[in-house]
Amino acid sequence: MPEVVCLGEALIDLFASPIGVPLGKASSFVPAPGGAPANVAVALARLDIGVGFIGRVGNDSFGLMLIELLQSEGVDTTHFRPVADSPTTLAFVAASSPNKQDFILYRGADAKLSPADLDRSYIASAKVFLYGSVTLTSTSRDAASQAVKWANEDGVLVAYDANLRPALWPSLKAARQGILEGMHGVTVCKLNETELELLAGTSDLAAGSRWILAQGPKLCLVTLGPQGAYFDNGRARGHVPAFKVDVVDSTGCGDAFLAGIVLGILETPTPIEDFDEPTLRRIVRFANAMGALTATRKGAMTALPTRATVQSFLES
């Protein structure tokens, strides 16, 4: 059984070409595999962590390719299956600048995941269960809620990506409410500065992180793009600078970062709330390296580094 189980969307990113133009002015789109939880699953597999993925894709060329790809990366796909009545989800992505993307998401099969599709023993066997808030924007929210409930009852750590996609919610108010509801039962919460301000009502990293911790998580991580990341577990807090790299595409950097955090947690025997500052700095530094290396290549899943690549980067 895998150490980590990821649940949520696996999809096809369609990248606008040429780079730097808005979606409406793209001359063509280049397909690439993606979806935040699927990206994290592949990133963990490349870090030599046993990982499984729970999700749904269409019974089409894109969906079957995604299943085969995750299998080839070493991800357990026992619970990653095609459905006949919906196509694979598509995300159109335009990089208007290296650190900013515009998205349009056409939902498909990923939204079909239901509680009936879940195997409690599969989730209970893991050390970490991971999902993101995109799963909460459709009927798949019931599956996510059930999985988190089981994880809590069975002593499995829950990692949560507060992944704001405004177009998937009726309003920002609804997004805030829904993302906060998804935080119930969560141990580790990863978000960026925009998501922090929406949820906590402040751009102050210290105050905002404390507010997030008050909602229940044991560890709050705020990604800051080229400025690095901020951490707070109630005992230790601080900022870890980013690595300077030539950014090609920031898609998937947050997913790579989260995979690095999960690796650090798995390799640290102390409870998360007892992590001291040196421990958290070490973990976040590795996660920052994961994100930095991902930014040096185009695409999300295709750009994720191996453990050997990250270690060589850190040593140099």
Protein backbone atom coordinates (compact mmCIF):
# COMPACT_ATOMS: atom_id res chain seq x y z
CA MET A 1 0.00 0.00 0.00
CA PRO A 2 1.27 3.55 -0.74
CA GLU A 3 2.54 5.91 1.95
CA VAL A 4 0.64 8.82 0.38
CA VAL A 5 -2.79 8.81 -1.27
CA CYS A 6 -3.74 11.81 -3.43
CA LEU A 7 -7.34 12.48 -4.47
CA GLY A 8 -8.73 14.89 -7.03
CA GLU A 9 -8.34 16.15 -10.54
CA ALA A 10 -6.12 14.74 -13.26
CA LEU A 11 -6.59 16.68 -16.47
CA ILE A 12 -5.04 17.99 -19.65
CA ASP A 13 -3.44 21.44 -19.57
CA LEU A 14 -3.65 23.15 -22.97
CA PHE A 15 -0.88 25.75 -23.02
CA ALA A 16 -1.40 28.82 -25.17
CA SER A 17 1.17 29.57 -27.85
CA PRO A 18 3.03 31.82 -28.34
CA ILE A 19 4.04 32.36 -24.71
CA GLY A 20 3.06 35.74 -23.29
CA VAL A 21 -0.25 36.18 -25.12
CA PRO A 22 -3.67 36.06 -23.41
CA LEU A 23 -5.95 33.10 -24.02
CA GLY A 24 -8.09 34.96 -26.52
CA LYS A 25 -5.12 35.75 -28.76
CA ALA A 26 -3.40 32.36 -28.76
CA SER A 27 -2.71 30.89 -32.19
CA SER A 28 -2.52 27.32 -30.91
CA PHE A 29 -2.62 25.18 -27.75
CA VAL A 30 -0.16 22.48 -26.73
CA PRO A 31 -1.55 19.66 -24.54
CA ALA A 32 0.29 18.46 -21.43
CA PRO A 33 -0.75 16.30 -18.44
CA GLY A 34 -1.72 18.15 -15.27
CA GLY A 35 -4.11 18.59 -12.36
CA ALA A 36 -2.75 19.68 -8.97
CA PRO A 37 -3.24 16.43 -6.97
CA ALA A 38 -2.00 14.36 -9.92
CA ASN A 39 1.05 16.62 -10.20
CA VAL A 40 1.78 16.08 -6.51
CA ALA A 41 1.42 12.32 -6.95
CA VAL A 42 3.95 12.24 -9.80
CA ALA A 43 6.28 14.58 -7.91
CA LEU A 44 6.23 12.23 -4.92
CA ALA A 45 6.86 9.21 -7.14
CA ARG A 46 9.91 10.99 -8.57
CA LEU A 47 11.05 11.51 -4.98
CA ASP A 48 10.89 7.73 -4.49
CA ILE A 49 7.79 7.87 -2.28
CA GLY A 50 5.11 5.21 -2.64
CA VAL A 51 2.01 7.09 -3.78
CA GLY A 52 -1.45 6.26 -5.06
CA PHE A 53 -4.01 8.40 -6.88
CA ILE A 54 -7.80 8.40 -6.61
CA GLY A 55 -9.64 10.11 -9.44
CA ARG A 56 -11.70 9.89 -12.60
CA VAL A 57 -10.95 10.71 -16.25
CA GLY A 58 -12.91 10.23 -19.44
CA ASN A 59 -12.78 6.99 -21.38
CA ASP A 60 -11.02 8.87 -24.17
CA SER A 61 -7.52 9.27 -25.56
CA PHE A 62 -6.59 11.96 -23.02
CA GLY A 63 -7.93 10.03 -20.05
CA LEU A 64 -6.32 6.73 -20.97
CA MET A 65 -3.04 8.54 -21.59
CA LEU A 66 -3.18 10.07 -18.09
CA ILE A 67 -3.73 6.68 -16.47
CA GLU A 68 -0.86 5.16 -18.44
CA LEU A 69 1.40 8.11 -17.64
CA LEU A 70 0.84 7.91 -13.88
CA GLN A 71 1.43 4.17 -14.04
CA SER A 72 4.69 4.72 -15.91
CA GLU A 73 5.81 7.16 -13.22
CA GLY A 74 5.27 4.56 -10.52
CA VAL A 75 1.98 5.93 -9.13
CA ASP A 76 -0.51 3.27 -8.03
CA THR A 77 -3.58 3.73 -10.25
CA THR A 78 -5.78 0.98 -8.76
CA HIS A 79 -8.37 3.66 -7.88
CA PHE A 80 -7.78 5.93 -10.90
CA ARG A 81 -10.35 4.91 -13.49
CA PRO A 82 -12.13 6.13 -16.64
CA VAL A 83 -15.85 6.89 -16.82
CA ALA A 84 -17.93 6.51 -19.96
CA ASP A 85 -20.31 9.45 -19.62
CA SER A 86 -17.89 12.41 -19.32
CA PRO A 87 -14.78 13.57 -21.17
CA THR A 88 -11.46 14.22 -19.49
CA THR A 89 -11.29 17.68 -17.90
CA LEU A 90 -9.42 20.34 -19.91
CA ALA A 91 -7.63 23.44 -18.59
CA PHE A 92 -6.63 26.17 -21.03
CA VAL A 93 -3.59 28.02 -19.69
CA ALA A 94 -1.95 31.23 -20.89
CA ALA A 95 1.28 32.45 -19.30
CA SER A 96 0.92 36.21 -19.60
CA SER A 97 4.20 36.46 -17.68
CA PRO A 98 6.59 33.83 -16.26
CA ASN A 99 4.98 34.04 -12.80
CA LYS A 100 1.34 34.55 -13.77
CA GLN A 101 -1.14 32.32 -15.58
CA ASP A 102 -4.70 32.73 -16.80
CA PHE A 103 -6.92 29.63 -16.64
CA ILE A 104 -10.18 28.46 -18.15
CA LEU A 105 -11.26 25.05 -16.85
CA TYR A 106 -13.76 22.84 -18.69
CA ARG A 107 -14.91 20.30 -16.10
CA GLY A 108 -15.45 16.71 -17.06
CA ALA A 109 -14.91 13.32 -15.52
CA ASP A 110 -12.97 14.45 -12.42
CA ALA A 111 -16.23 15.85 -11.04
CA LYS A 112 -17.82 12.37 -11.22
CA LEU A 113 -15.87 10.98 -8.25
CA SER A 114 -18.30 9.88 -5.51
CA PRO A 115 -18.08 8.34 -2.02
CA ALA A 116 -19.09 5.00 -3.54
CA ASP A 117 -15.80 5.02 -5.46
CA LEU A 118 -13.69 5.11 -2.28
CA ASP A 119 -12.00 2.26 -0.45
CA ARG A 120 -11.57 3.10 3.22
CA SER A 121 -8.82 0.53 3.76
CA TYR A 122 -6.79 2.08 0.93
CA ILE A 123 -6.89 5.53 2.55
CA ALA A 124 -6.37 4.13 6.06
CA SER A 125 -3.22 2.31 4.98
CA ALA A 126 -1.48 5.58 4.04
CA LYS A 127 0.49 7.91 6.27
CA VAL A 128 -0.69 11.02 4.38
CA PHE A 129 -3.93 11.76 2.52
CA LEU A 130 -3.77 14.78 0.20
CA TYR A 131 -6.41 16.71 -1.71
CA GLY A 132 -7.20 20.24 -2.91
CA SER A 133 -10.10 22.66 -2.93
CA VAL A 134 -10.85 22.22 -6.66
CA THR A 135 -12.47 18.90 -5.69
CA LEU A 136 -14.93 20.90 -3.57
CA THR A 137 -16.32 22.84 -6.56
CA SER A 138 -18.43 19.95 -7.87
CA THR A 139 -20.33 16.91 -6.62
CA SER A 140 -16.92 15.30 -5.99
CA ARG A 141 -16.89 17.31 -2.74
CA ASP A 142 -18.82 14.47 -1.09
CA ALA A 143 -16.02 12.04 -1.93
CA ALA A 144 -13.39 14.41 -0.55
CA SER A 145 -15.36 14.98 2.65
CA GLN A 146 -15.81 11.24 3.18
CA ALA A 147 -12.12 10.58 2.57
CA VAL A 148 -11.04 13.28 5.04
CA LYS A 149 -13.47 11.92 7.65
CA TRP A 150 -12.02 8.43 7.29
CA ALA A 151 -8.45 9.75 7.35
CA ASN A 152 -9.15 11.58 10.61
CA GLU A 153 -10.77 8.56 12.20
CA ASP A 154 -7.95 6.25 11.09
CA GLY A 155 -5.08 8.49 12.17
CA VAL A 156 -3.93 9.53 8.69
CA LEU A 157 -2.38 12.99 8.33
CA VAL A 158 -4.35 15.22 5.91
CA ALA A 159 -2.59 17.71 3.62
CA TYR A 160 -4.73 20.34 1.87
CA ASP A 161 -4.07 22.65 -1.06
CA ALA A 162 -6.26 25.76 -0.78
CA ASN A 163 -6.12 26.07 -4.55
CA LEU A 164 -8.27 29.07 -5.49
CA ARG A 165 -9.81 28.97 -8.97
CA PRO A 166 -12.36 31.83 -8.92
CA ALA A 167 -14.07 30.74 -12.15
CA LEU A 168 -15.13 27.48 -10.49
CA TRP A 169 -17.08 29.23 -7.72
CA PRO A 170 -20.24 31.38 -7.96
CA SER A 171 -18.41 34.23 -6.19
CA LEU A 172 -15.32 34.95 -4.13
CA LYS A 173 -17.53 34.86 -1.04
CA ALA A 174 -18.63 31.33 -1.95
CA ALA A 175 -15.02 30.38 -2.69
CA ARG A 176 -13.89 31.59 0.72
CA GLN A 177 -16.67 29.70 2.48
CA GLY A 178 -16.07 26.52 0.50
CA ILE A 179 -12.29 26.52 0.90
CA LEU A 180 -12.63 27.13 4.64
CA GLU A 181 -15.11 24.26 4.96
CA GLY A 182 -12.55 22.06 3.21
CA MET A 183 -10.03 22.95 5.89
CA HIS A 184 -11.96 20.98 8.50
CA GLY A 185 -9.91 18.01 9.64
CA VAL A 186 -6.76 19.19 7.85
CA THR A 187 -3.29 18.82 9.37
CA VAL A 188 -1.20 20.72 6.79
CA CYS A 189 -2.53 23.65 4.77
CA LYS A 190 -0.66 25.05 1.75
CA LEU A 191 -1.80 28.30 0.17
CA ASN A 192 -0.37 31.31 -1.64
CA GLU A 193 -0.48 34.95 -0.61
CA THR A 194 -3.67 35.66 -2.61
CA GLU A 195 -5.46 32.75 -0.98
CA LEU A 196 -4.20 33.79 2.44
CA GLU A 197 -5.62 37.29 2.03
CA LEU A 198 -8.96 35.95 0.81
CA LEU A 199 -9.31 33.50 3.69
CA ALA A 200 -7.72 35.37 6.59
CA GLY A 201 -8.58 38.90 5.47
CA THR A 202 -4.99 40.10 5.74
CA SER A 203 -1.81 40.13 3.67
CA ASP A 204 0.32 40.02 6.82
CA LEU A 205 2.00 36.63 6.74
CA ALA A 206 2.36 36.22 10.49
CA ALA A 207 -1.18 37.32 11.34
CA GLY A 208 -2.70 35.43 8.44
CA SER A 209 -0.87 32.20 9.24
CA ARG A 210 -1.91 32.41 12.89
CA TRP A 211 -5.51 32.81 11.72
CA ILE A 212 -5.20 29.71 9.52
CA LEU A 213 -3.78 27.70 12.43
CA ALA A 214 -6.74 28.80 14.55
CA GLN A 215 -9.02 27.04 12.05
CA GLY A 216 -7.44 23.69 12.95
CA PRO A 217 -4.35 22.92 10.83
CA LYS A 218 -1.10 22.12 12.64
CA LEU A 219 1.11 23.62 9.92
CA CYS A 220 0.48 26.57 7.61
CA LEU A 221 2.65 27.12 4.53
CA VAL A 222 2.35 30.23 2.36
CA THR A 223 4.07 30.15 -1.03
CA LEU A 224 5.32 33.52 -2.23
CA GLY A 225 6.56 32.78 -5.75
CA PRO A 226 9.97 34.38 -6.36
CA GLN A 227 10.06 35.53 -2.70
CA GLY A 228 10.10 31.98 -1.30
CA ALA A 229 7.75 30.67 1.38
CA TYR A 230 6.55 31.33 4.92
CA PHE A 231 5.89 28.64 7.54
CA ASP A 232 4.17 28.52 10.92
CA ASN A 233 3.28 25.54 13.11
CA GLY A 234 2.50 27.50 16.26
CA ARG A 235 5.91 26.71 17.72
CA ALA A 236 8.20 28.06 15.00
CA ARG A 237 7.63 30.47 12.15
CA GLY A 238 9.69 32.21 9.53
CA HIS A 239 10.50 32.95 5.93
CA VAL A 240 12.72 30.86 3.64
CA PRO A 241 13.97 32.72 0.53
CA ALA A 242 13.47 31.28 -2.93
CA PHE A 243 16.28 30.05 -5.14
CA LYS A 244 17.11 32.31 -8.06
CA VAL A 245 16.53 30.50 -11.34
CA ASP A 246 15.63 31.46 -14.90
CA VAL A 247 11.87 31.02 -14.84
CA VAL A 248 10.32 29.48 -17.95
CA ASP A 249 6.89 28.53 -16.57
CA SER A 250 5.58 28.60 -13.00
CA THR A 251 2.76 26.11 -13.65
CA GLY A 252 3.02 23.25 -11.16
CA CYS A 253 5.55 24.95 -8.89
CA GLY A 254 3.15 24.94 -5.94
CA ASP A 255 2.43 21.25 -6.50
CA ALA A 256 6.14 20.46 -6.54
CA PHE A 257 6.55 22.53 -3.37
CA LEU A 258 3.79 20.60 -1.61
CA ALA A 259 5.36 17.28 -2.60
CA GLY A 260 8.62 18.46 -1.05
CA ILE A 261 6.78 19.34 2.16
CA VAL A 262 5.12 15.90 2.31
CA LEU A 263 8.50 14.23 1.80
CA GLY A 264 9.98 16.24 4.66
CA ILE A 265 7.10 15.32 6.95
CA LEU A 266 7.41 11.63 6.12
CA GLU A 267 11.14 11.69 6.85
CA THR A 268 10.78 13.54 10.18
CA PRO A 269 9.57 11.31 13.03
CA THR A 270 8.51 14.20 15.30
CA PRO A 271 4.82 15.29 15.32
CA ILE A 272 4.27 18.29 13.08
CA GLU A 273 3.27 20.59 15.92
CA ASP A 274 6.64 19.84 17.55
CA PHE A 275 8.79 20.65 14.52
CA ASP A 276 11.37 23.26 15.54
CA GLU A 277 12.58 26.11 13.36
CA PRO A 278 15.68 24.34 11.95
CA THR A 279 13.54 21.35 10.97
CA LEU A 280 10.95 23.50 9.23
CA ARG A 281 13.61 25.55 7.45
CA ARG A 282 15.21 22.37 6.16
CA ILE A 283 11.91 21.01 4.90
CA VAL A 284 10.82 24.29 3.30
CA ARG A 285 14.23 24.81 1.70
CA PHE A 286 13.92 21.44 -0.04
CA ALA A 287 10.35 22.29 -1.08
CA ASN A 288 11.53 25.64 -2.46
CA ALA A 289 14.13 23.80 -4.52
CA MET A 290 11.40 21.54 -5.89
CA GLY A 291 9.41 24.58 -6.97
CA ALA A 292 12.42 26.38 -8.41
CA LEU A 293 13.50 23.45 -10.56
CA THR A 294 9.95 22.97 -11.83
CA ALA A 295 9.91 26.62 -12.92
CA THR A 296 12.91 26.11 -15.21
CA ARG A 297 10.94 23.91 -17.62
CA LYS A 298 7.65 24.31 -19.46
CA GLY A 299 4.63 22.39 -18.25
CA ALA A 300 3.61 21.05 -14.87
CA MET A 301 3.90 17.27 -14.58
CA THR A 302 6.59 17.07 -17.24
CA ALA A 303 8.79 19.58 -15.40
CA LEU A 304 8.82 17.91 -11.97
CA PRO A 305 12.36 17.02 -10.76
CA THR A 306 13.69 13.76 -9.36
CA ARG A 307 15.16 13.46 -5.88
CA ALA A 308 18.67 13.17 -7.33
CA THR A 309 18.18 16.37 -9.33
CA VAL A 310 17.01 18.27 -6.24
CA GLN A 311 19.86 16.99 -4.10
CA SER A 312 22.41 17.93 -6.75
CA PHE A 313 20.84 21.39 -7.04
CA LEU A 314 20.98 21.93 -3.27
CA GLU A 315 24.59 20.77 -3.08
CA SER A 316 25.64 23.14 -5.81
